[in-house]
Amino acid sequence: ISFNPESDSKFEPGIQGNPTSLASGGPRGRTEAEWLSIHIQDHTAGRNPSQSTSLHYMSPYQLNAYALALTAVGEIIQHYDSDKMFPALGFGAKLPPDGRVSHEFPLNGNQENPSCCGIDGILEAYHHSLRTVQLYGPTNFAPVVTHVARNAAAVQDGSQYSVLLIITDGVISDMAQTKEAIVNAAKLPMSIIIIGVGQAEFDAMVELDGDDVRISSRGKLAERDIVQFVPFRDYVDRTGNHVLSMARLARDVLAEIPDQLVSYMKAQGIRPRSPPTATARSPPQSPARTPPASPLHTHI
C-alpha cells in the first residue's frame, strides 16, 4: 500500500510494489502489517468432515471451500507479514480430551504457540484440527474480534496495522456482542475480512460489512468501516478457470484494506512521511528506532 509523502495529508492507497511493508506515516515512513489473524469457523451444523456434505470435507482430490478461500487470499496477504508466521485459530468445536466447547483454539493444537509457517503451515494445521476436534456450535465471533483488537491497541502510532481474516459459513450466535466488538475496534489500526462459504443467505455478514448502513451498538456508530465481506460462491467459475476466479476473489477481498488503513491514519492525524535518506555530505546516522514487531495474526 503506497502513500504520497510529498503532499501534506494526501494518501494514495493501492496495493503494489514491495509487499513486505506498507509505506505510510510510521516512524520510518512505513507501516508493518504485523498482525494477520486467521480464524476458521469449524461449525457446520455438526457434519463430519469425512462426509461429502460437509463444507469441511477432506477430499483426497481437491481442496474444500475453506482451504480454497484461505489459499487465494493468504498467498497474497502473507507477503505483507515480515516473518510469515501466522497464529491460526478455529472456533465452534469441542476439544479433546474432555469435549470442552471453544470459540478460540489453535488449529495446530499448540496452546503455547499457535503460529503456523506460511499458508502451507496453516493448511496443515487446519487439516490437523479437522482430525482431532468435533465440529460444534454455537459460533461466537466477538471473542475473535476482541482478541485481535487487544493486540492492535498495543501499537497505535501508525507503524503497525492488523488484519483479521474470518472464513465462515455465515452462522453467528452472538450478533449483538460482535457488533459491539466491531464498533470498539473501529477506532484501532485494524481491518476485518470475512469470507462466507456455503449457500447461506449471509444476511448477518452483509450487516456486519456496513457498506450500506454503518453498524452501531448501544447507540454508538462505528467510527469507520473496517469490515469487508465477500461470499465465496460468487467466485466459483463454472467454466473451470480456477486460477482466474481465485484471483478475482483475492482482489475483491483486499479491495477495501488500503482505504481502511488510510482512514485510520487520517483519523489519528498521522501524516505520511518519507523514509530518511542519507546524503554524501551527511555523517552516518543510526537507523531510526522502530517499536518491537508484533506477530501477524491470521484467524480463520
C-alpha atoms as a PDB file:
ATOM      1  CA  ILE A   1       0.000   0.000   0.000  1.00  0.00           C
ATOM      2  CA  SER A   2       1.645   3.219  -1.020  1.00  0.00           C
ATOM      3  CA  PHE A   3       1.175   6.786   0.099  1.00  0.00           C
ATOM      4  CA  ASN A   4       2.299  10.064  -1.413  1.00  0.00           C
ATOM      5  CA  PRO A   5       4.711  11.529   1.171  1.00  0.00           C
ATOM      6  CA  GLU A   6       5.151  14.772  -0.758  1.00  0.00           C
ATOM      7  CA  SER A   7       1.650  16.010  -0.088  1.00  0.00           C
ATOM      8  CA  ASP A   8       0.575  17.489   3.230  1.00  0.00           C
ATOM      9  CA  SER A   9      -2.047  14.907   4.001  1.00  0.00           C
ATOM     10  CA  LYS A  10      -2.599  13.138   0.723  1.00  0.00           C
ATOM     11  CA  PHE A  11      -2.616   9.370   0.917  1.00  0.00           C
ATOM     12  CA  GLU A  12      -2.713   7.352  -2.273  1.00  0.00           C
ATOM     13  CA  PRO A  13      -3.867   3.824  -1.456  1.00  0.00           C
ATOM     14  CA  GLY A  14      -3.179   0.939  -3.757  1.00  0.00           C
ATOM     15  CA  ILE A  15      -1.634  -2.497  -3.358  1.00  0.00           C
ATOM     16  CA  GLN A  16       1.547  -2.527  -5.360  1.00  0.00           C
ATOM     17  CA  GLY A  17       5.322  -2.698  -5.247  1.00  0.00           C
ATOM     18  CA  ASN A  18       7.378  -4.305  -2.495  1.00  0.00           C
ATOM     19  CA  PRO A  19       4.889  -6.247  -0.389  1.00  0.00           C
ATOM     20  CA  THR A  20       6.992  -6.606   2.741  1.00  0.00           C
ATOM     21  CA  SER A  21       5.790  -3.343   4.237  1.00  0.00           C
ATOM     22  CA  LEU A  22       3.249  -0.609   3.762  1.00  0.00           C
ATOM     23  CA  ALA A  23       4.729   2.829   3.116  1.00  0.00           C
ATOM     24  CA  SER A  24       2.986   5.384   5.324  1.00  0.00           C
ATOM     25  CA  GLY A  25       3.405   7.610   8.336  1.00  0.00           C
ATOM     26  CA  GLY A  26       5.119   5.231  10.730  1.00  0.00           C
ATOM     27  CA  PRO A  27       8.390   6.032  12.496  1.00  0.00           C
ATOM     28  CA  ARG A  28      10.400   5.183   9.371  1.00  0.00           C
ATOM     29  CA  GLY A  29       7.789   6.195   6.848  1.00  0.00           C
ATOM     30  CA  ARG A  30       6.210   2.773   6.604  1.00  0.00           C
ATOM     31  CA  THR A  31       3.609   0.619   8.289  1.00  0.00           C
ATOM     32  CA  GLU A  32       4.313  -3.022   9.009  1.00  0.00           C
ATOM     33  CA  ALA A  33       1.342  -5.356   8.655  1.00  0.00           C
ATOM     34  CA  GLU A  34       2.350  -7.049  11.863  1.00  0.00           C
ATOM     35  CA  TRP A  35      -0.912  -8.823  12.678  1.00  0.00           C
ATOM     36  CA  LEU A  36      -2.693 -11.038  10.228  1.00  0.00           C
ATOM     37  CA  SER A  37      -5.129 -13.076  12.282  1.00  0.00           C
ATOM     38  CA  ILE A  38      -6.827 -16.055  10.671  1.00  0.00           C
ATOM     39  CA  HIS A  39      -9.902 -17.638  12.227  1.00  0.00           C
ATOM     40  CA  ILE A  40     -11.650 -20.596  10.614  1.00  0.00           C
ATOM     41  CA  GLN A  41     -15.157 -21.377  11.732  1.00  0.00           C
ATOM     42  CA  ASP A  42     -15.297 -25.091  12.421  1.00  0.00           C
ATOM     43  CA  HIS A  43     -19.041 -25.366  12.958  1.00  0.00           C
ATOM     44  CA  THR A  44     -21.015 -26.705  10.004  1.00  0.00           C
ATOM     45  CA  ALA A  45     -24.242 -27.991  11.528  1.00  0.00           C
ATOM     46  CA  GLY A  46     -22.355 -30.834  13.177  1.00  0.00           C
ATOM     47  CA  ARG A  47     -21.453 -32.525   9.901  1.00  0.00           C
ATOM     48  CA  ASN A  48     -18.471 -34.821   9.917  1.00  0.00           C
ATOM     49  CA  PRO A  49     -15.636 -33.535   7.676  1.00  0.00           C
ATOM     50  CA  SER A  50     -15.261 -37.059   6.319  1.00  0.00           C
ATOM     51  CA  GLN A  51     -18.721 -36.713   4.735  1.00  0.00           C
ATOM     52  CA  SER A  52     -19.046 -35.050   1.338  1.00  0.00           C
ATOM     53  CA  THR A  53     -21.984 -32.925   2.588  1.00  0.00           C
ATOM     54  CA  SER A  54     -19.692 -31.047   4.978  1.00  0.00           C
ATOM     55  CA  LEU A  55     -18.136 -27.748   3.922  1.00  0.00           C
ATOM     56  CA  HIS A  56     -15.005 -29.043   5.668  1.00  0.00           C
ATOM     57  CA  TYR A  57     -14.980 -32.252   3.603  1.00  0.00           C
ATOM     58  CA  MET A  58     -11.424 -33.548   3.332  1.00  0.00           C
ATOM     59  CA  SER A  59     -11.401 -34.835  -0.227  1.00  0.00           C
ATOM     60  CA  PRO A  60      -8.257 -36.648  -1.342  1.00  0.00           C
ATOM     61  CA  TYR A  61      -8.618 -34.982  -4.748  1.00  0.00           C
ATOM     62  CA  GLN A  62      -9.315 -31.291  -4.169  1.00  0.00           C
ATOM     63  CA  LEU A  63      -9.375 -28.523  -1.580  1.00  0.00           C
ATOM     64  CA  ASN A  64     -12.651 -27.668   0.132  1.00  0.00           C
ATOM     65  CA  ALA A  65     -14.111 -24.150   0.053  1.00  0.00           C
ATOM     66  CA  TYR A  66     -12.424 -23.120   3.303  1.00  0.00           C
ATOM     67  CA  ALA A  67      -9.000 -24.193   2.059  1.00  0.00           C
ATOM     68  CA  LEU A  68      -9.537 -22.604  -1.365  1.00  0.00           C
ATOM     69  CA  ALA A  69     -10.533 -19.267   0.165  1.00  0.00           C
ATOM     70  CA  LEU A  70      -7.590 -19.322   2.544  1.00  0.00           C
ATOM     71  CA  THR A  71      -5.141 -20.151  -0.223  1.00  0.00           C
ATOM     72  CA  ALA A  72      -6.444 -17.499  -2.637  1.00  0.00           C
ATOM     73  CA  VAL A  73      -6.281 -14.672  -0.107  1.00  0.00           C
ATOM     74  CA  GLY A  74      -3.430 -15.901   2.041  1.00  0.00           C
ATOM     75  CA  GLU A  75      -0.947 -16.322  -0.780  1.00  0.00           C
ATOM     76  CA  ILE A  76      -1.211 -12.592  -1.433  1.00  0.00           C
ATOM     77  CA  ILE A  77      -1.595 -11.147   2.031  1.00  0.00           C
ATOM     78  CA  GLN A  78       1.160 -13.289   3.574  1.00  0.00           C
ATOM     79  CA  HIS A  79       3.713 -11.142   1.761  1.00  0.00           C
ATOM     80  CA  TYR A  80       2.727  -8.199   3.951  1.00  0.00           C
ATOM     81  CA  ASP A  81       3.971 -10.021   7.054  1.00  0.00           C
ATOM     82  CA  SER A  82       7.691  -9.837   7.750  1.00  0.00           C
ATOM     83  CA  ASP A  83       8.195 -13.297   9.270  1.00  0.00           C
ATOM     84  CA  LYS A  84       5.218 -15.087   7.662  1.00  0.00           C
ATOM     85  CA  MET A  85       4.332 -16.714  10.971  1.00  0.00           C
ATOM     86  CA  PHE A  86       0.566 -16.691  11.422  1.00  0.00           C
ATOM     87  CA  PRO A  87      -1.314 -17.591  14.600  1.00  0.00           C
ATOM     88  CA  ALA A  88      -4.271 -19.503  13.151  1.00  0.00           C
ATOM     89  CA  LEU A  89      -7.244 -20.377  15.303  1.00  0.00           C
ATOM     90  CA  GLY A  90     -10.571 -22.114  14.946  1.00  0.00           C
ATOM     91  CA  PHE A  91     -13.878 -21.503  16.696  1.00  0.00           C
ATOM     92  CA  GLY A  92     -17.010 -23.559  17.145  1.00  0.00           C
ATOM     93  CA  ALA A  93     -15.743 -27.005  18.185  1.00  0.00           C
ATOM     94  CA  LYS A  94     -15.453 -29.477  21.059  1.00  0.00           C
ATOM     95  CA  LEU A  95     -11.854 -30.084  22.057  1.00  0.00           C
ATOM     96  CA  PRO A  96     -10.260 -33.281  23.319  1.00  0.00           C
ATOM     97  CA  PRO A  97      -9.975 -34.836  25.784  1.00  0.00           C
ATOM     98  CA  ASP A  98     -12.989 -33.524  27.753  1.00  0.00           C
ATOM     99  CA  GLY A  99     -15.182 -32.185  24.933  1.00  0.00           C
ATOM    100  CA  ARG A 100     -14.948 -28.562  26.077  1.00  0.00           C
ATOM    101  CA  VAL A 101     -16.582 -26.142  23.606  1.00  0.00           C
ATOM    102  CA  SER A 102     -14.129 -23.499  22.420  1.00  0.00           C
ATOM    103  CA  HIS A 103     -14.537 -20.292  20.430  1.00  0.00           C
ATOM    104  CA  GLU A 104     -10.808 -19.756  20.083  1.00  0.00           C
ATOM    105  CA  PHE A 105      -8.413 -22.688  19.857  1.00  0.00           C
ATOM    106  CA  PRO A 106      -5.117 -23.156  17.978  1.00  0.00           C
ATOM    107  CA  LEU A 107      -5.526 -25.143  14.784  1.00  0.00           C
ATOM    108  CA  ASN A 108      -2.124 -26.745  15.322  1.00  0.00           C
ATOM    109  CA  GLY A 109      -3.095 -27.916  18.814  1.00  0.00           C
ATOM    110  CA  ASN A 110      -0.276 -25.936  20.445  1.00  0.00           C
ATOM    111  CA  GLN A 111      -1.726 -23.688  23.152  1.00  0.00           C
ATOM    112  CA  GLU A 112       1.650 -22.061  23.791  1.00  0.00           C
ATOM    113  CA  ASN A 113       2.407 -21.249  20.157  1.00  0.00           C
ATOM    114  CA  PRO A 114      -0.499 -21.249  17.668  1.00  0.00           C
ATOM    115  CA  SER A 115       1.666 -19.755  14.903  1.00  0.00           C
ATOM    116  CA  CYS A 116       1.939 -21.545  11.570  1.00  0.00           C
ATOM    117  CA  CYS A 117       4.623 -21.030   8.952  1.00  0.00           C
ATOM    118  CA  GLY A 118       3.072 -19.599   5.805  1.00  0.00           C
ATOM    119  CA  ILE A 119      -0.142 -20.652   4.127  1.00  0.00           C
ATOM    120  CA  ASP A 120       1.068 -24.252   3.769  1.00  0.00           C
ATOM    121  CA  GLY A 121       1.559 -24.379   7.528  1.00  0.00           C
ATOM    122  CA  ILE A 122      -1.943 -23.047   8.132  1.00  0.00           C
ATOM    123  CA  LEU A 123      -3.484 -25.607   5.768  1.00  0.00           C
ATOM    124  CA  GLU A 124      -1.604 -28.389   7.531  1.00  0.00           C
ATOM    125  CA  ALA A 125      -2.832 -27.153  10.926  1.00  0.00           C
ATOM    126  CA  TYR A 126      -6.397 -26.798   9.599  1.00  0.00           C
ATOM    127  CA  HIS A 127      -6.470 -30.394   8.404  1.00  0.00           C
ATOM    128  CA  HIS A 128      -4.929 -31.482  11.719  1.00  0.00           C
ATOM    129  CA  SER A 129      -7.769 -29.790  13.615  1.00  0.00           C
ATOM    130  CA  LEU A 130     -10.424 -31.499  11.490  1.00  0.00           C
ATOM    131  CA  ARG A 131      -8.984 -34.853  12.532  1.00  0.00           C
ATOM    132  CA  THR A 132      -8.795 -34.014  16.237  1.00  0.00           C
ATOM    133  CA  VAL A 133     -11.780 -31.810  17.189  1.00  0.00           C
ATOM    134  CA  GLN A 134     -15.539 -32.264  16.905  1.00  0.00           C
ATOM    135  CA  LEU A 135     -17.376 -29.554  14.967  1.00  0.00           C
ATOM    136  CA  TYR A 136     -19.885 -27.902  17.265  1.00  0.00           C
ATOM    137  CA  GLY A 137     -21.870 -24.735  17.917  1.00  0.00           C
ATOM    138  CA  PRO A 138     -22.679 -22.109  18.958  1.00  0.00           C
ATOM    139  CA  THR A 139     -20.489 -19.887  16.817  1.00  0.00           C
ATOM    140  CA  ASN A 140     -19.318 -16.696  18.527  1.00  0.00           C
ATOM    141  CA  PHE A 141     -17.400 -14.030  16.614  1.00  0.00           C
ATOM    142  CA  ALA A 142     -16.952 -11.484  19.417  1.00  0.00           C
ATOM    143  CA  PRO A 143     -14.066 -13.295  21.190  1.00  0.00           C
ATOM    144  CA  VAL A 144     -12.131 -13.401  17.910  1.00  0.00           C
ATOM    145  CA  VAL A 145     -12.598  -9.699  17.164  1.00  0.00           C
ATOM    146  CA  THR A 146     -11.777  -8.730  20.749  1.00  0.00           C
ATOM    147  CA  HIS A 147      -8.608 -10.850  20.712  1.00  0.00           C
ATOM    148  CA  VAL A 148      -7.199  -9.136  17.625  1.00  0.00           C
ATOM    149  CA  ALA A 149      -8.362  -5.693  18.791  1.00  0.00           C
ATOM    150  CA  ARG A 150      -6.457  -6.147  22.041  1.00  0.00           C
ATOM    151  CA  ASN A 151      -3.232  -6.673  20.126  1.00  0.00           C
ATOM    152  CA  ALA A 152      -3.948  -3.844  17.689  1.00  0.00           C
ATOM    153  CA  ALA A 153      -4.481  -1.467  20.609  1.00  0.00           C
ATOM    154  CA  ALA A 154      -0.918  -2.071  21.807  1.00  0.00           C
ATOM    155  CA  VAL A 155       0.633  -0.124  18.884  1.00  0.00           C
ATOM    156  CA  GLN A 156      -1.293   2.866  17.547  1.00  0.00           C
ATOM    157  CA  ASP A 157       1.489   5.105  16.201  1.00  0.00           C
ATOM    158  CA  GLY A 158       0.966   4.118  12.563  1.00  0.00           C
ATOM    159  CA  SER A 159       3.824   1.625  12.480  1.00  0.00           C
ATOM    160  CA  GLN A 160       1.591  -1.459  12.587  1.00  0.00           C
ATOM    161  CA  TYR A 161      -1.774  -2.401  11.132  1.00  0.00           C
ATOM    162  CA  SER A 162      -3.728  -5.551  11.952  1.00  0.00           C
ATOM    163  CA  VAL A 163      -5.826  -7.670   9.600  1.00  0.00           C
ATOM    164  CA  LEU A 164      -8.277 -10.311  10.818  1.00  0.00           C
ATOM    165  CA  LEU A 165      -9.410 -12.901   8.270  1.00  0.00           C
ATOM    166  CA  ILE A 166     -12.515 -14.919   9.189  1.00  0.00           C
ATOM    167  CA  ILE A 167     -13.768 -17.758   6.989  1.00  0.00           C
ATOM    168  CA  THR A 168     -17.286 -18.760   7.975  1.00  0.00           C
ATOM    169  CA  ASP A 169     -20.466 -20.470   6.797  1.00  0.00           C
ATOM    170  CA  GLY A 170     -22.448 -17.448   7.972  1.00  0.00           C
ATOM    171  CA  VAL A 171     -23.786 -18.910  11.213  1.00  0.00           C
ATOM    172  CA  ILE A 172     -23.331 -16.448  14.095  1.00  0.00           C
ATOM    173  CA  SER A 173     -24.683 -16.840  17.618  1.00  0.00           C
ATOM    174  CA  ASP A 174     -23.578 -13.553  19.207  1.00  0.00           C
ATOM    175  CA  MET A 175     -24.563 -10.858  16.728  1.00  0.00           C
ATOM    176  CA  ALA A 176     -25.104  -8.119  19.335  1.00  0.00           C
ATOM    177  CA  GLN A 177     -21.773  -8.801  21.048  1.00  0.00           C
ATOM    178  CA  THR A 178     -19.970  -8.975  17.699  1.00  0.00           C
ATOM    179  CA  LYS A 179     -21.370  -5.618  16.592  1.00  0.00           C
ATOM    180  CA  GLU A 180     -20.227  -4.085  19.861  1.00  0.00           C
ATOM    181  CA  ALA A 181     -16.745  -5.585  19.412  1.00  0.00           C
ATOM    182  CA  ILE A 182     -16.504  -4.193  15.861  1.00  0.00           C
ATOM    183  CA  VAL A 183     -17.666  -0.734  16.939  1.00  0.00           C
ATOM    184  CA  ASN A 184     -14.976  -0.735  19.633  1.00  0.00           C
ATOM    185  CA  ALA A 185     -12.354  -1.985  17.154  1.00  0.00           C
ATOM    186  CA  ALA A 186     -13.182   0.660  14.538  1.00  0.00           C
ATOM    187  CA  LYS A 187     -11.011   3.221  16.326  1.00  0.00           C
ATOM    188  CA  LEU A 188      -7.986   0.886  16.263  1.00  0.00           C
ATOM    189  CA  PRO A 189      -5.452   0.122  13.479  1.00  0.00           C
ATOM    190  CA  MET A 190      -7.163  -2.998  12.177  1.00  0.00           C
ATOM    191  CA  SER A 191      -9.416  -4.356   9.453  1.00  0.00           C
ATOM    192  CA  ILE A 192     -11.632  -7.432   9.304  1.00  0.00           C
ATOM    193  CA  ILE A 193     -12.067  -9.607   6.218  1.00  0.00           C
ATOM    194  CA  ILE A 194     -14.953 -12.097   6.225  1.00  0.00           C
ATOM    195  CA  ILE A 195     -15.273 -14.767   3.541  1.00  0.00           C
ATOM    196  CA  GLY A 196     -18.558 -16.660   3.526  1.00  0.00           C
ATOM    197  CA  VAL A 197     -18.605 -20.238   2.261  1.00  0.00           C
ATOM    198  CA  GLY A 198     -21.633 -22.388   1.515  1.00  0.00           C
ATOM    199  CA  GLN A 199     -25.138 -21.496   0.376  1.00  0.00           C
ATOM    200  CA  ALA A 200     -26.403 -19.459   3.342  1.00  0.00           C
ATOM    201  CA  GLU A 201     -28.081 -16.086   2.808  1.00  0.00           C
ATOM    202  CA  PHE A 202     -25.306 -14.294   4.763  1.00  0.00           C
ATOM    203  CA  ASP A 203     -27.662 -11.503   5.843  1.00  0.00           C
ATOM    204  CA  ALA A 204     -25.789 -11.146   9.132  1.00  0.00           C
ATOM    205  CA  MET A 205     -22.441 -10.891   7.352  1.00  0.00           C
ATOM    206  CA  VAL A 206     -23.776  -8.204   5.000  1.00  0.00           C
ATOM    207  CA  GLU A 207     -24.980  -6.264   8.040  1.00  0.00           C
ATOM    208  CA  LEU A 208     -21.538  -6.505   9.642  1.00  0.00           C
ATOM    209  CA  ASP A 209     -19.947  -5.270   6.403  1.00  0.00           C
ATOM    210  CA  GLY A 210     -21.663  -1.935   6.918  1.00  0.00           C
ATOM    211  CA  ASP A 211     -21.299  -0.683   3.337  1.00  0.00           C
ATOM    212  CA  ASP A 212     -24.923   0.457   3.139  1.00  0.00           C
ATOM    213  CA  VAL A 213     -25.552   1.208   6.814  1.00  0.00           C
ATOM    214  CA  ARG A 214     -22.694   1.849   9.247  1.00  0.00           C
ATOM    215  CA  ILE A 215     -23.030  -0.632  12.092  1.00  0.00           C
ATOM    216  CA  SER A 216     -23.780   0.588  15.594  1.00  0.00           C
ATOM    217  CA  SER A 217     -24.022  -0.804  19.098  1.00  0.00           C
ATOM    218  CA  ARG A 218     -25.730   0.655  22.158  1.00  0.00           C
ATOM    219  CA  GLY A 219     -26.455   3.814  20.197  1.00  0.00           C
ATOM    220  CA  LYS A 220     -22.812   4.298  19.168  1.00  0.00           C
ATOM    221  CA  LEU A 221     -21.814   4.309  15.492  1.00  0.00           C
ATOM    222  CA  ALA A 222     -18.576   2.711  14.354  1.00  0.00           C
ATOM    223  CA  GLU A 223     -16.024   5.472  13.716  1.00  0.00           C
ATOM    224  CA  ARG A 224     -15.146   3.962  10.322  1.00  0.00           C
ATOM    225  CA  ASP A 225     -15.921   0.970   8.139  1.00  0.00           C
ATOM    226  CA  ILE A 226     -13.398  -1.779   8.923  1.00  0.00           C
ATOM    227  CA  VAL A 227     -15.230  -4.877   7.635  1.00  0.00           C
ATOM    228  CA  GLN A 228     -15.167  -6.347   4.128  1.00  0.00           C
ATOM    229  CA  PHE A 229     -17.420  -9.331   3.375  1.00  0.00           C
ATOM    230  CA  VAL A 230     -17.453 -11.430   0.211  1.00  0.00           C
ATOM    231  CA  PRO A 231     -19.397 -14.655  -0.486  1.00  0.00           C
ATOM    232  CA  PHE A 232     -17.100 -17.358  -1.835  1.00  0.00           C
ATOM    233  CA  ARG A 233     -19.810 -18.806  -4.096  1.00  0.00           C
ATOM    234  CA  ASP A 234     -19.734 -15.680  -6.268  1.00  0.00           C
ATOM    235  CA  TYR A 235     -16.195 -16.609  -7.322  1.00  0.00           C
ATOM    236  CA  VAL A 236     -16.690 -20.237  -8.277  1.00  0.00           C
ATOM    237  CA  ASP A 237     -16.032 -20.315 -12.017  1.00  0.00           C
ATOM    238  CA  ARG A 238     -18.297 -22.936 -13.564  1.00  0.00           C
ATOM    239  CA  THR A 239     -16.180 -22.902 -16.734  1.00  0.00           C
ATOM    240  CA  GLY A 240     -13.228 -24.311 -14.836  1.00  0.00           C
ATOM    241  CA  ASN A 241     -10.984 -21.233 -14.858  1.00  0.00           C
ATOM    242  CA  HIS A 242      -9.964 -21.742 -11.240  1.00  0.00           C
ATOM    243  CA  VAL A 243      -6.890 -19.500 -11.307  1.00  0.00           C
ATOM    244  CA  LEU A 244      -8.815 -16.506 -12.638  1.00  0.00           C
ATOM    245  CA  SER A 245     -11.721 -16.925 -10.224  1.00  0.00           C
ATOM    246  CA  MET A 246      -9.403 -17.150  -7.200  1.00  0.00           C
ATOM    247  CA  ALA A 247      -7.522 -14.070  -8.410  1.00  0.00           C
ATOM    248  CA  ARG A 248     -10.831 -12.193  -8.554  1.00  0.00           C
ATOM    249  CA  LEU A 249     -11.656 -13.369  -5.036  1.00  0.00           C
ATOM    250  CA  ALA A 250      -8.331 -12.148  -3.662  1.00  0.00           C
ATOM    251  CA  ARG A 251      -8.715  -8.805  -5.447  1.00  0.00           C
ATOM    252  CA  ASP A 252     -12.180  -8.112  -4.078  1.00  0.00           C
ATOM    253  CA  VAL A 253     -11.379  -9.367  -0.578  1.00  0.00           C
ATOM    254  CA  LEU A 254      -8.443  -6.969  -0.303  1.00  0.00           C
ATOM    255  CA  ALA A 255     -10.082  -4.085  -2.176  1.00  0.00           C
ATOM    256  CA  GLU A 256     -11.067  -2.050   0.889  1.00  0.00           C
ATOM    257  CA  ILE A 257      -7.932  -2.573   3.003  1.00  0.00           C
ATOM    258  CA  PRO A 258      -5.968   0.406   1.564  1.00  0.00           C
ATOM    259  CA  ASP A 259      -8.810   2.881   2.148  1.00  0.00           C
ATOM    260  CA  GLN A 260      -9.452   1.455   5.612  1.00  0.00           C
ATOM    261  CA  LEU A 261      -5.804   1.876   6.543  1.00  0.00           C
ATOM    262  CA  VAL A 262      -5.810   5.424   5.180  1.00  0.00           C
ATOM    263  CA  SER A 263      -8.980   6.279   7.103  1.00  0.00           C
ATOM    264  CA  TYR A 264      -7.282   5.223  10.334  1.00  0.00           C
ATOM    265  CA  MET A 265      -4.186   7.319   9.579  1.00  0.00           C
ATOM    266  CA  LYS A 266      -6.300  10.381   8.815  1.00  0.00           C
ATOM    267  CA  ALA A 267      -8.495   9.921  11.886  1.00  0.00           C
ATOM    268  CA  GLN A 268      -5.413   9.758  14.087  1.00  0.00           C
ATOM    269  CA  GLY A 269      -3.723  12.692  12.385  1.00  0.00           C
ATOM    270  CA  ILE A 270      -0.803  10.525  11.256  1.00  0.00           C
ATOM    271  CA  ARG A 271       0.781  12.226   8.276  1.00  0.00           C
ATOM    272  CA  PRO A 272       2.648  10.369   5.531  1.00  0.00           C
ATOM    273  CA  ARG A 273       6.411  10.710   5.678  1.00  0.00           C
ATOM    274  CA  SER A 274       9.281   9.568   3.504  1.00  0.00           C
ATOM    275  CA  PRO A 275      11.911   7.253   4.995  1.00  0.00           C
ATOM    276  CA  PRO A 276      15.078   9.172   5.981  1.00  0.00           C
ATOM    277  CA  THR A 277      17.648   9.368   3.191  1.00  0.00           C
ATOM    278  CA  ALA A 278      21.402   9.796   3.587  1.00  0.00           C
ATOM    279  CA  THR A 279      23.419  12.312   1.540  1.00  0.00           C
ATOM    280  CA  ALA A 280      27.066  12.194   0.567  1.00  0.00           C
ATOM    281  CA  ARG A 281      27.912  15.101   2.895  1.00  0.00           C
ATOM    282  CA  SER A 282      25.940  13.884   5.847  1.00  0.00           C
ATOM    283  CA  PRO A 283      27.702  11.893   8.567  1.00  0.00           C
ATOM    284  CA  PRO A 284      26.470   8.346   9.123  1.00  0.00           C
ATOM    285  CA  GLN A 285      23.393   8.229  11.285  1.00  0.00           C
ATOM    286  CA  SER A 286      21.931   5.495  13.399  1.00  0.00           C
ATOM    287  CA  PRO A 287      18.828   3.979  11.878  1.00  0.00           C
ATOM    288  CA  ALA A 288      15.558   5.281  13.224  1.00  0.00           C
ATOM    289  CA  ARG A 289      14.199   3.236  16.071  1.00  0.00           C
ATOM    290  CA  THR A 290      11.033   1.281  15.418  1.00  0.00           C
ATOM    291  CA  PRO A 291       8.780  -0.329  18.000  1.00  0.00           C
ATOM    292  CA  PRO A 292       9.271  -4.054  18.590  1.00  0.00           C
ATOM    293  CA  ALA A 293       7.437  -6.033  15.949  1.00  0.00           C
ATOM    294  CA  SER A 294       4.360  -7.968  16.929  1.00  0.00           C
ATOM    295  CA  PRO A 295       3.381 -11.204  15.200  1.00  0.00           C
ATOM    296  CA  LEU A 296       0.917 -11.036  12.382  1.00  0.00           C
ATOM    297  CA  HIS A 297      -2.191 -12.944  13.444  1.00  0.00           C
ATOM    298  CA  THR A 298      -4.470 -14.517  10.912  1.00  0.00           C
ATOM    299  CA  HIS A 299      -7.617 -16.051  12.377  1.00  0.00           C
ATOM    300  CA  ILE A 300      -9.674 -18.451  10.323  1.00  0.00           C
END
